[in-house]
């Protein structure tokens, strides 16, 4: 699985899975992105902007 640490939210590599979480969240994607945010708190503001 891709780490996504060095990507931005609008990065095409990350965009599809992120926007799917935002607009069509399921348990698996919610668990992944919440864990990702815990591991990368510096990205929280960027996520909130979306």
Protein backbone atom coordinates (compact mmCIF):
# COMPACT_ATOMS: atom_id res chain seq x y z
CA UNK A 1 0.00 0.00 0.00
CA UNK A 2 1.22 3.49 -0.79
CA UNK A 3 2.48 5.53 2.15
CA UNK A 4 1.25 8.93 0.85
CA UNK A 5 3.44 10.78 3.37
CA UNK A 6 5.28 12.80 0.73
CA UNK A 7 2.20 13.57 -1.33
CA UNK A 8 -0.29 16.35 -1.10
CA UNK A 9 -4.04 15.87 -0.98
CA UNK A 10 -4.37 17.11 -4.56
CA UNK A 11 -1.63 14.81 -5.82
CA UNK A 12 -3.12 12.66 -8.60
CA UNK A 13 -1.60 9.53 -7.08
CA UNK A 14 -3.44 10.18 -3.85
CA UNK A 15 -6.49 12.03 -5.07
CA UNK A 16 -8.78 9.20 -6.06
CA UNK A 17 -8.62 7.30 -2.78
CA UNK A 18 -8.76 10.48 -0.72
CA UNK A 19 -11.77 11.93 -2.52
CA UNK A 20 -13.51 8.58 -2.39
CA UNK A 21 -13.07 8.72 1.40
CA UNK A 22 -14.40 12.28 1.53
CA UNK A 23 -17.45 11.68 -0.66
CA UNK A 24 -18.18 7.94 -0.37
CA UNK A 25 -16.57 6.87 2.86
CA UNK A 26 -16.79 3.28 3.95
CA UNK A 27 -15.44 1.62 7.08
CA UNK A 28 -12.19 0.53 5.45
CA UNK A 29 -11.32 3.89 3.89
CA UNK A 30 -12.34 5.73 7.05
CA UNK A 31 -10.07 3.54 9.16
CA UNK A 32 -7.17 4.01 6.70
CA UNK A 33 -7.41 7.81 6.45
CA UNK A 34 -7.98 8.36 10.15
CA UNK A 35 -4.90 6.26 10.91
CA UNK A 36 -2.98 8.15 8.22
CA UNK A 37 -3.93 11.47 9.82
CA UNK A 38 -2.78 10.21 13.21
CA UNK A 39 0.57 9.29 11.67
CA UNK A 40 0.84 12.59 9.75
CA UNK A 41 -0.68 15.32 11.91
CA UNK A 42 1.15 17.96 9.88
CA UNK A 43 -1.25 17.17 7.01
CA UNK A 44 -4.40 17.80 9.06
CA UNK A 45 -4.87 21.41 7.93
CA UNK A 46 -4.45 20.38 4.31
CA UNK A 47 -7.14 17.72 4.71
CA UNK A 48 -9.48 20.18 6.41
CA UNK A 49 -9.19 22.53 3.42
CA UNK A 50 -10.81 19.91 1.20
